[in-house]
Amino acid sequence: MLFVGDTIVDEYIYVRTIGKAVKENALSAIVGDKETFYGGVWAAANHTRNFVYHVDLLVGEKRMINTRIVDEVYLRKLFAMHKMVNEIERRDPVDVGGYDLVVVCDFGHGTMTPQLIERLTREARYLAVNTQTNATNFGFNLITKYPRADLVVLDELEARLAVHERDADIEDVILKLDRLGYHRSIVTRGIHGAIGFDGAFERQEALTDKVTDTMGAGDAFLAVAAPFAAVGASLKTLIKVGNAAGAVKVGIVGHRSSVTKEALEKYINAY
């Protein structure tokens, strides 16, 4: 299978806050350890490598570096900074149609050009897509960029932005996605689980309320569910597998590790 998307380096700088600066309106903290993770499409692909035989990557010329200041005790993120760097040489795959599954992790950082989107939507045998909304692209990185997707996984905000519905029932939002041509879509809702539609609605509750770090949970949902979708799994199975992957991921700090078969089975069998 092929993963396509933006590469991200996630830096966590751990601090211990010691109060307000005496002479300024600023929070004062003592710097501790630092961790650096390979995020974005790299992290998503690493989840899937635990479940499929072979994974290739197609990435862009730019890399986003996200630096987060994190409370070392409670692991709460206090501040975030973003920097784009030019480091990567792009290499297009010879035959997109030769892959059983293409998964797009679109973080809105420039990899997914109109030309590449056109190629993937035309040539991919099975195409699974997430278009992420974040601070650097808010309102501009929508699933509607893609004229076709066989599986769409979005969080609730991403779905609402795509159909311009802030207050409608989530079911109405999903039906609008269906009318736009996304006939198999799943909307993740954090602690409220997920809801999907492929002609009928399927709802499932979240599999955990113990959250260490939410970063990358939606990417894990997509990365682990997509291979099941490509071989014809039911929507009910996709949501159960995706919810389990998300539950595993929210227990991991940053990208210290990936979702494994053993960890996934633990949640699936428990619920």
C-alpha atoms as a PDB file:
ATOM      1  CA  MET A   1       0.000   0.000   0.000  1.00  0.00           C
ATOM      2  CA  LEU A   2       0.965   3.633  -0.450  1.00  0.00           C
ATOM      3  CA  PHE A   3       0.821   6.494   2.056  1.00  0.00           C
ATOM      4  CA  VAL A   4       0.821  10.015   0.670  1.00  0.00           C
ATOM      5  CA  GLY A   5       1.008  13.207   2.703  1.00  0.00           C
ATOM      6  CA  ASP A   6       2.898  15.758   4.721  1.00  0.00           C
ATOM      7  CA  THR A   7       5.907  14.927   6.867  1.00  0.00           C
ATOM      8  CA  ILE A   8       6.010  16.480  10.327  1.00  0.00           C
ATOM      9  CA  VAL A   9       8.588  16.545  13.087  1.00  0.00           C
ATOM     10  CA  ASP A  10       6.896  16.896  16.474  1.00  0.00           C
ATOM     11  CA  GLU A  11       9.105  18.291  19.213  1.00  0.00           C
ATOM     12  CA  TYR A  12       8.040  18.136  22.852  1.00  0.00           C
ATOM     13  CA  ILE A  13       9.976  20.420  25.199  1.00  0.00           C
ATOM     14  CA  TYR A  14       9.062  19.558  28.776  1.00  0.00           C
ATOM     15  CA  VAL A  15       8.954  22.330  31.360  1.00  0.00           C
ATOM     16  CA  ARG A  16       8.140  22.804  35.017  1.00  0.00           C
ATOM     17  CA  THR A  17       6.214  26.018  35.537  1.00  0.00           C
ATOM     18  CA  ILE A  18       7.299  28.142  38.499  1.00  0.00           C
ATOM     19  CA  GLY A  19       4.782  30.964  38.254  1.00  0.00           C
ATOM     20  CA  LYS A  20       4.463  34.389  36.684  1.00  0.00           C
ATOM     21  CA  ALA A  21       7.548  36.393  35.812  1.00  0.00           C
ATOM     22  CA  VAL A  22       8.007  39.175  38.357  1.00  0.00           C
ATOM     23  CA  LYS A  23       8.366  42.072  35.928  1.00  0.00           C
ATOM     24  CA  GLU A  24       6.343  40.850  32.945  1.00  0.00           C
ATOM     25  CA  ASN A  25       2.989  39.248  32.174  1.00  0.00           C
ATOM     26  CA  ALA A  26       4.664  35.990  31.200  1.00  0.00           C
ATOM     27  CA  LEU A  27       4.622  32.448  32.512  1.00  0.00           C
ATOM     28  CA  SER A  28       8.010  31.388  33.867  1.00  0.00           C
ATOM     29  CA  ALA A  29       9.226  27.798  33.632  1.00  0.00           C
ATOM     30  CA  ILE A  30      12.326  25.662  34.040  1.00  0.00           C
ATOM     31  CA  VAL A  31      13.214  23.666  30.911  1.00  0.00           C
ATOM     32  CA  GLY A  32      13.602  19.922  31.242  1.00  0.00           C
ATOM     33  CA  ASP A  33      13.972  17.129  28.693  1.00  0.00           C
ATOM     34  CA  LYS A  34      13.148  17.235  24.984  1.00  0.00           C
ATOM     35  CA  GLU A  35      11.698  14.512  22.754  1.00  0.00           C
ATOM     36  CA  THR A  36      11.554  14.531  18.966  1.00  0.00           C
ATOM     37  CA  PHE A  37       9.081  12.354  17.057  1.00  0.00           C
ATOM     38  CA  TYR A  38       8.517  11.590  13.390  1.00  0.00           C
ATOM     39  CA  GLY A  39       4.886  12.594  12.909  1.00  0.00           C
ATOM     40  CA  GLY A  40       2.472  13.325  10.104  1.00  0.00           C
ATOM     41  CA  VAL A  41       2.368  10.719   7.349  1.00  0.00           C
ATOM     42  CA  TRP A  42       5.428   8.993   8.837  1.00  0.00           C
ATOM     43  CA  ALA A  43       3.570   8.212  12.073  1.00  0.00           C
ATOM     44  CA  ALA A  44       0.429   7.088  10.235  1.00  0.00           C
ATOM     45  CA  ALA A  45       2.438   4.714   8.035  1.00  0.00           C
ATOM     46  CA  ASN A  46       4.191   3.273  11.079  1.00  0.00           C
ATOM     47  CA  HIS A  47       0.832   2.275  12.564  1.00  0.00           C
ATOM     48  CA  THR A  48      -0.131   0.443   9.389  1.00  0.00           C
ATOM     49  CA  ARG A  49       3.209  -1.360   9.069  1.00  0.00           C
ATOM     50  CA  ASN A  50       2.110  -3.494  12.011  1.00  0.00           C
ATOM     51  CA  PHE A  51      -0.859  -4.815  10.009  1.00  0.00           C
ATOM     52  CA  VAL A  52       0.141  -5.123   6.336  1.00  0.00           C
ATOM     53  CA  TYR A  53       2.960  -6.687   4.357  1.00  0.00           C
ATOM     54  CA  HIS A  54       4.434  -3.628   2.661  1.00  0.00           C
ATOM     55  CA  VAL A  55       4.096   0.175   2.895  1.00  0.00           C
ATOM     56  CA  ASP A  56       5.579   2.815   0.597  1.00  0.00           C
ATOM     57  CA  LEU A  57       5.627   6.577   1.137  1.00  0.00           C
ATOM     58  CA  LEU A  58       5.187   9.571  -1.157  1.00  0.00           C
ATOM     59  CA  VAL A  59       5.997  12.889   0.509  1.00  0.00           C
ATOM     60  CA  GLY A  60       6.613  16.490  -0.475  1.00  0.00           C
ATOM     61  CA  GLU A  61       9.604  18.796  -0.559  1.00  0.00           C
ATOM     62  CA  LYS A  62       8.655  20.595   2.661  1.00  0.00           C
ATOM     63  CA  ARG A  63       8.663  19.463   6.262  1.00  0.00           C
ATOM     64  CA  MET A  64       6.677  21.037   9.097  1.00  0.00           C
ATOM     65  CA  ILE A  65       8.352  21.252  12.491  1.00  0.00           C
ATOM     66  CA  ASN A  66       5.845  21.570  15.321  1.00  0.00           C
ATOM     67  CA  THR A  67       7.368  22.486  18.677  1.00  0.00           C
ATOM     68  CA  ARG A  68       5.196  22.158  21.769  1.00  0.00           C
ATOM     69  CA  ILE A  69       5.964  23.331  25.267  1.00  0.00           C
ATOM     70  CA  VAL A  70       4.583  20.627  27.557  1.00  0.00           C
ATOM     71  CA  ASP A  71       4.006  20.566  31.298  1.00  0.00           C
ATOM     72  CA  GLU A  72       6.274  17.734  32.446  1.00  0.00           C
ATOM     73  CA  VAL A  73       3.957  16.625  35.269  1.00  0.00           C
ATOM     74  CA  TYR A  74       0.510  16.577  33.685  1.00  0.00           C
ATOM     75  CA  LEU A  75       1.658  16.440  30.021  1.00  0.00           C
ATOM     76  CA  ARG A  76      -0.565  19.382  29.133  1.00  0.00           C
ATOM     77  CA  LYS A  77       0.534  21.399  26.120  1.00  0.00           C
ATOM     78  CA  LEU A  78       1.108  25.031  27.065  1.00  0.00           C
ATOM     79  CA  PHE A  79       2.266  26.590  23.799  1.00  0.00           C
ATOM     80  CA  ALA A  80       2.901  25.565  20.181  1.00  0.00           C
ATOM     81  CA  MET A  81       5.210  26.909  17.471  1.00  0.00           C
ATOM     82  CA  HIS A  82       5.378  25.968  13.803  1.00  0.00           C
ATOM     83  CA  LYS A  83       8.172  26.215  11.241  1.00  0.00           C
ATOM     84  CA  MET A  84       8.299  25.042   7.620  1.00  0.00           C
ATOM     85  CA  VAL A  85      11.637  23.873   6.222  1.00  0.00           C
ATOM     86  CA  ASN A  86      12.747  22.681   2.786  1.00  0.00           C
ATOM     87  CA  GLU A  87      14.491  19.356   3.253  1.00  0.00           C
ATOM     88  CA  ILE A  88      12.914  16.615   1.233  1.00  0.00           C
ATOM     89  CA  GLU A  89      13.190  15.653  -2.412  1.00  0.00           C
ATOM     90  CA  ARG A  90       9.882  14.450  -3.786  1.00  0.00           C
ATOM     91  CA  ARG A  91       9.724  11.164  -5.673  1.00  0.00           C
ATOM     92  CA  ASP A  92       6.519  10.163  -7.422  1.00  0.00           C
ATOM     93  CA  PRO A  93       5.678   6.458  -7.502  1.00  0.00           C
ATOM     94  CA  VAL A  94       5.870   4.843 -10.915  1.00  0.00           C
ATOM     95  CA  ASP A  95       2.437   3.262 -10.779  1.00  0.00           C
ATOM     96  CA  VAL A  96      -0.192   4.567  -8.341  1.00  0.00           C
ATOM     97  CA  GLY A  97      -2.670   2.041  -9.697  1.00  0.00           C
ATOM     98  CA  GLY A  98      -0.327  -0.780  -8.768  1.00  0.00           C
ATOM     99  CA  TYR A  99      -1.117  -0.343  -5.073  1.00  0.00           C
ATOM    100  CA  ASP A 100      -4.115  -2.101  -3.523  1.00  0.00           C
ATOM    101  CA  LEU A 101      -4.680   0.885  -1.238  1.00  0.00           C
ATOM    102  CA  VAL A 102      -3.648   4.551  -1.206  1.00  0.00           C
ATOM    103  CA  VAL A 103      -4.028   6.455   2.073  1.00  0.00           C
ATOM    104  CA  VAL A 104      -3.783  10.257   2.032  1.00  0.00           C
ATOM    105  CA  CYS A 105      -2.850  12.120   5.212  1.00  0.00           C
ATOM    106  CA  ASP A 106      -3.385  15.728   4.141  1.00  0.00           C
ATOM    107  CA  PHE A 107      -2.276  18.146   6.864  1.00  0.00           C
ATOM    108  CA  GLY A 108      -2.472  21.127   4.534  1.00  0.00           C
ATOM    109  CA  HIS A 109       1.291  21.752   4.434  1.00  0.00           C
ATOM    110  CA  GLY A 110       1.714  21.686   0.659  1.00  0.00           C
ATOM    111  CA  THR A 111       2.330  18.082  -0.373  1.00  0.00           C
ATOM    112  CA  MET A 112      -1.149  17.594  -1.780  1.00  0.00           C
ATOM    113  CA  THR A 113      -1.015  19.810  -4.850  1.00  0.00           C
ATOM    114  CA  PRO A 114      -3.963  19.952  -7.283  1.00  0.00           C
ATOM    115  CA  GLN A 115      -1.908  17.915  -9.750  1.00  0.00           C
ATOM    116  CA  LEU A 116      -1.166  15.161  -7.235  1.00  0.00           C
ATOM    117  CA  ILE A 117      -4.772  15.100  -6.004  1.00  0.00           C
ATOM    118  CA  GLU A 118      -5.991  14.724  -9.598  1.00  0.00           C
ATOM    119  CA  ARG A 119      -3.582  11.871 -10.198  1.00  0.00           C
ATOM    120  CA  LEU A 120      -4.462   9.976  -7.050  1.00  0.00           C
ATOM    121  CA  THR A 121      -8.210  10.356  -7.429  1.00  0.00           C
ATOM    122  CA  ARG A 122      -7.940   9.160 -11.035  1.00  0.00           C
ATOM    123  CA  GLU A 123      -5.514   6.263 -10.617  1.00  0.00           C
ATOM    124  CA  ALA A 124      -5.875   4.822  -7.094  1.00  0.00           C
ATOM    125  CA  ARG A 125      -7.722   1.518  -6.859  1.00  0.00           C
ATOM    126  CA  TYR A 126      -8.959   2.302  -3.359  1.00  0.00           C
ATOM    127  CA  LEU A 127      -8.463   5.761  -1.887  1.00  0.00           C
ATOM    128  CA  ALA A 128      -8.798   6.622   1.818  1.00  0.00           C
ATOM    129  CA  VAL A 129      -8.436  10.283   2.781  1.00  0.00           C
ATOM    130  CA  ASN A 130      -8.247  12.567   5.791  1.00  0.00           C
ATOM    131  CA  THR A 131      -7.928  16.332   5.397  1.00  0.00           C
ATOM    132  CA  GLN A 132      -6.844  17.716   8.723  1.00  0.00           C
ATOM    133  CA  THR A 133      -7.831  21.073  10.147  1.00  0.00           C
ATOM    134  CA  ASN A 134      -5.126  22.704  12.256  1.00  0.00           C
ATOM    135  CA  ALA A 135      -3.972  26.158  13.319  1.00  0.00           C
ATOM    136  CA  THR A 136      -1.936  26.722  10.153  1.00  0.00           C
ATOM    137  CA  ASN A 137      -4.718  25.943   7.658  1.00  0.00           C
ATOM    138  CA  PHE A 138      -8.013  26.574   9.470  1.00  0.00           C
ATOM    139  CA  GLY A 139     -10.907  26.690   7.002  1.00  0.00           C
ATOM    140  CA  PHE A 140      -8.750  26.106   3.934  1.00  0.00           C
ATOM    141  CA  ASN A 141      -7.943  22.391   3.982  1.00  0.00           C
ATOM    142  CA  LEU A 142     -11.208  20.613   3.236  1.00  0.00           C
ATOM    143  CA  ILE A 143     -12.171  17.181   1.932  1.00  0.00           C
ATOM    144  CA  THR A 144     -13.964  18.912  -0.942  1.00  0.00           C
ATOM    145  CA  LYS A 145     -10.524  19.308  -2.595  1.00  0.00           C
ATOM    146  CA  TYR A 146     -10.863  15.622  -3.488  1.00  0.00           C
ATOM    147  CA  PRO A 147     -13.327  14.783  -6.275  1.00  0.00           C
ATOM    148  CA  ARG A 148     -13.299  11.160  -5.149  1.00  0.00           C
ATOM    149  CA  ALA A 149     -12.551   9.146  -2.029  1.00  0.00           C
ATOM    150  CA  ASP A 150     -13.642   5.585  -1.263  1.00  0.00           C
ATOM    151  CA  LEU A 151     -13.263   6.138   2.488  1.00  0.00           C
ATOM    152  CA  VAL A 152     -13.263   9.486   4.274  1.00  0.00           C
ATOM    153  CA  VAL A 153     -12.295   9.832   7.940  1.00  0.00           C
ATOM    154  CA  LEU A 154     -12.721  13.288   9.487  1.00  0.00           C
ATOM    155  CA  ASP A 155     -13.188  14.677  12.953  1.00  0.00           C
ATOM    156  CA  GLU A 156     -16.401  16.564  13.663  1.00  0.00           C
ATOM    157  CA  LEU A 157     -14.949  20.026  13.055  1.00  0.00           C
ATOM    158  CA  GLU A 158     -13.408  18.937   9.754  1.00  0.00           C
ATOM    159  CA  ALA A 159     -16.741  17.515   8.611  1.00  0.00           C
ATOM    160  CA  ARG A 160     -18.686  20.624   9.634  1.00  0.00           C
ATOM    161  CA  LEU A 161     -16.255  22.964   7.875  1.00  0.00           C
ATOM    162  CA  ALA A 162     -16.472  20.899   4.697  1.00  0.00           C
ATOM    163  CA  VAL A 163     -20.260  21.322   4.414  1.00  0.00           C
ATOM    164  CA  HIS A 164     -20.489  24.765   6.091  1.00  0.00           C
ATOM    165  CA  GLU A 165     -22.702  23.503   8.927  1.00  0.00           C
ATOM    166  CA  ARG A 166     -21.751  24.721  12.390  1.00  0.00           C
ATOM    167  CA  ASP A 167     -24.930  23.846  14.303  1.00  0.00           C
ATOM    168  CA  ALA A 168     -26.739  21.079  12.386  1.00  0.00           C
ATOM    169  CA  ASP A 169     -27.097  17.577  13.807  1.00  0.00           C
ATOM    170  CA  ILE A 170     -24.058  15.505  12.966  1.00  0.00           C
ATOM    171  CA  GLU A 171     -26.253  13.109  10.985  1.00  0.00           C
ATOM    172  CA  ASP A 172     -27.282  15.971   8.687  1.00  0.00           C
ATOM    173  CA  VAL A 173     -23.630  16.913   8.251  1.00  0.00           C
ATOM    174  CA  ILE A 174     -22.771  13.376   7.201  1.00  0.00           C
ATOM    175  CA  LEU A 175     -25.707  13.216   4.789  1.00  0.00           C
ATOM    176  CA  LYS A 176     -24.387  16.374   3.147  1.00  0.00           C
ATOM    177  CA  LEU A 177     -21.014  14.670   2.739  1.00  0.00           C
ATOM    178  CA  ASP A 178     -22.837  11.777   1.091  1.00  0.00           C
ATOM    179  CA  ARG A 179     -24.567  14.136  -1.338  1.00  0.00           C
ATOM    180  CA  LEU A 180     -21.165  15.597  -2.215  1.00  0.00           C
ATOM    181  CA  GLY A 181     -20.081  12.133  -3.337  1.00  0.00           C
ATOM    182  CA  TYR A 182     -18.367  10.776  -0.225  1.00  0.00           C
ATOM    183  CA  HIS A 183     -20.524   7.710   0.172  1.00  0.00           C
ATOM    184  CA  ARG A 184     -18.496   6.010   2.884  1.00  0.00           C
ATOM    185  CA  SER A 185     -17.516   8.432   5.596  1.00  0.00           C
ATOM    186  CA  ILE A 186     -16.672   8.223   9.290  1.00  0.00           C
ATOM    187  CA  VAL A 187     -16.710  11.183  11.666  1.00  0.00           C
ATOM    188  CA  THR A 188     -14.680  10.797  14.847  1.00  0.00           C
ATOM    189  CA  ARG A 189     -15.928  12.594  17.956  1.00  0.00           C
ATOM    190  CA  GLY A 190     -13.280  12.087  20.624  1.00  0.00           C
ATOM    191  CA  ILE A 191     -14.741  10.789  23.883  1.00  0.00           C
ATOM    192  CA  HIS A 192     -18.125  10.487  22.149  1.00  0.00           C
ATOM    193  CA  GLY A 193     -16.868   7.766  19.814  1.00  0.00           C
ATOM    194  CA  ALA A 194     -17.525   7.788  16.084  1.00  0.00           C
ATOM    195  CA  ILE A 195     -20.408   7.766  13.635  1.00  0.00           C
ATOM    196  CA  GLY A 196     -20.282   6.545  10.057  1.00  0.00           C
ATOM    197  CA  PHE A 197     -22.513   6.296   7.012  1.00  0.00           C
ATOM    198  CA  ASP A 198     -22.471   4.163   3.855  1.00  0.00           C
ATOM    199  CA  GLY A 199     -26.182   4.071   3.131  1.00  0.00           C
ATOM    200  CA  ALA A 200     -27.094   3.553   6.785  1.00  0.00           C
ATOM    201  CA  PHE A 201     -25.719   5.056   9.975  1.00  0.00           C
ATOM    202  CA  GLU A 202     -23.440   3.175  12.355  1.00  0.00           C
ATOM    203  CA  ARG A 203     -22.649   4.607  15.797  1.00  0.00           C
ATOM    204  CA  GLN A 204     -20.197   3.358  18.389  1.00  0.00           C
ATOM    205  CA  GLU A 205     -18.991   4.736  21.699  1.00  0.00           C
ATOM    206  CA  ALA A 206     -15.355   5.484  22.444  1.00  0.00           C
ATOM    207  CA  LEU A 207     -13.410   2.578  23.924  1.00  0.00           C
ATOM    208  CA  THR A 208     -11.543   4.554  26.567  1.00  0.00           C
ATOM    209  CA  ASP A 209     -11.837   7.707  28.640  1.00  0.00           C
ATOM    210  CA  LYS A 210      -8.213   7.551  29.802  1.00  0.00           C
ATOM    211  CA  VAL A 211      -6.386  10.103  27.681  1.00  0.00           C
ATOM    212  CA  THR A 212      -2.673  10.840  27.929  1.00  0.00           C
ATOM    213  CA  ASP A 213      -2.149  12.616  24.596  1.00  0.00           C
ATOM    214  CA  THR A 214      -4.704  13.191  21.818  1.00  0.00           C
ATOM    215  CA  MET A 215      -2.140  13.974  19.115  1.00  0.00           C
ATOM    216  CA  GLY A 216      -2.403  11.595  16.185  1.00  0.00           C
ATOM    217  CA  ALA A 217      -5.458   9.665  17.376  1.00  0.00           C
ATOM    218  CA  GLY A 218      -7.433  10.432  14.215  1.00  0.00           C
ATOM    219  CA  ASP A 219      -4.458   9.476  12.056  1.00  0.00           C
ATOM    220  CA  ALA A 220      -4.221   6.143  13.875  1.00  0.00           C
ATOM    221  CA  PHE A 221      -7.963   5.580  13.291  1.00  0.00           C
ATOM    222  CA  LEU A 222      -7.546   6.119   9.541  1.00  0.00           C
ATOM    223  CA  ALA A 223      -4.265   4.232   9.211  1.00  0.00           C
ATOM    224  CA  VAL A 224      -5.509   1.063  10.905  1.00  0.00           C
ATOM    225  CA  ALA A 225      -9.081   1.076   9.552  1.00  0.00           C
ATOM    226  CA  ALA A 226      -8.169   1.759   5.911  1.00  0.00           C
ATOM    227  CA  PRO A 227      -6.624  -1.670   5.127  1.00  0.00           C
ATOM    228  CA  PHE A 228      -9.779  -3.336   6.482  1.00  0.00           C
ATOM    229  CA  ALA A 229     -11.910  -1.062   4.303  1.00  0.00           C
ATOM    230  CA  ALA A 230      -9.923  -1.924   1.184  1.00  0.00           C
ATOM    231  CA  VAL A 231     -10.704  -5.639   1.619  1.00  0.00           C
ATOM    232  CA  GLY A 232     -14.433  -5.042   2.095  1.00  0.00           C
ATOM    233  CA  ALA A 233     -14.943  -4.903   5.866  1.00  0.00           C
ATOM    234  CA  SER A 234     -18.291  -3.612   7.086  1.00  0.00           C
ATOM    235  CA  LEU A 235     -18.709  -0.088   8.384  1.00  0.00           C
ATOM    236  CA  LYS A 236     -19.372  -1.523  11.844  1.00  0.00           C
ATOM    237  CA  THR A 237     -16.018  -3.310  11.754  1.00  0.00           C
ATOM    238  CA  LEU A 238     -14.192  -0.230  10.489  1.00  0.00           C
ATOM    239  CA  ILE A 239     -15.479   1.925  13.326  1.00  0.00           C
ATOM    240  CA  LYS A 240     -14.720  -0.726  15.932  1.00  0.00           C
ATOM    241  CA  VAL A 241     -11.177  -1.189  14.631  1.00  0.00           C
ATOM    242  CA  GLY A 242     -10.652   2.558  14.255  1.00  0.00           C
ATOM    243  CA  ASN A 243     -11.985   3.296  17.730  1.00  0.00           C
ATOM    244  CA  ALA A 244      -9.644   0.664  19.156  1.00  0.00           C
ATOM    245  CA  ALA A 245      -6.682   2.187  17.306  1.00  0.00           C
ATOM    246  CA  GLY A 246      -7.606   5.622  18.617  1.00  0.00           C
ATOM    247  CA  ALA A 247      -7.930   4.267  22.148  1.00  0.00           C
ATOM    248  CA  VAL A 248      -4.442   2.780  21.955  1.00  0.00           C
ATOM    249  CA  LYS A 249      -2.980   5.985  20.520  1.00  0.00           C
ATOM    250  CA  VAL A 250      -4.382   8.346  23.190  1.00  0.00           C
ATOM    251  CA  GLY A 251      -2.448   6.314  25.750  1.00  0.00           C
ATOM    252  CA  ILE A 252       0.874   7.039  24.000  1.00  0.00           C
ATOM    253  CA  VAL A 253       2.854  10.236  24.558  1.00  0.00           C
ATOM    254  CA  GLY A 254       3.594  11.809  21.183  1.00  0.00           C
ATOM    255  CA  HIS A 255       4.724   9.110  18.788  1.00  0.00           C
ATOM    256  CA  ARG A 256       6.849   7.129  21.236  1.00  0.00           C
ATOM    257  CA  SER A 257       5.334   3.962  19.819  1.00  0.00           C
ATOM    258  CA  SER A 258       2.761   2.808  17.284  1.00  0.00           C
ATOM    259  CA  VAL A 259      -0.485   0.851  17.436  1.00  0.00           C
ATOM    260  CA  THR A 260       0.291  -2.882  17.516  1.00  0.00           C
ATOM    261  CA  LYS A 261      -1.871  -5.919  16.838  1.00  0.00           C
ATOM    262  CA  GLU A 262      -1.639  -6.984  20.470  1.00  0.00           C
ATOM    263  CA  ALA A 263      -2.727  -3.599  21.810  1.00  0.00           C
ATOM    264  CA  LEU A 264      -5.538  -3.363  19.261  1.00  0.00           C
ATOM    265  CA  GLU A 265      -6.858  -6.827  20.107  1.00  0.00           C
ATOM    266  CA  LYS A 266      -6.875  -5.949  23.804  1.00  0.00           C
ATOM    267  CA  TYR A 267      -9.415  -3.166  23.224  1.00  0.00           C
ATOM    268  CA  ILE A 268     -11.463  -5.063  20.650  1.00  0.00           C
ATOM    269  CA  ASN A 269     -11.789  -8.143  22.840  1.00  0.00           C
ATOM    270  CA  ALA A 270     -12.525  -6.111  25.969  1.00  0.00           C
ATOM    271  CA  TYR A 271     -15.483  -4.346  24.406  1.00  0.00           C
END
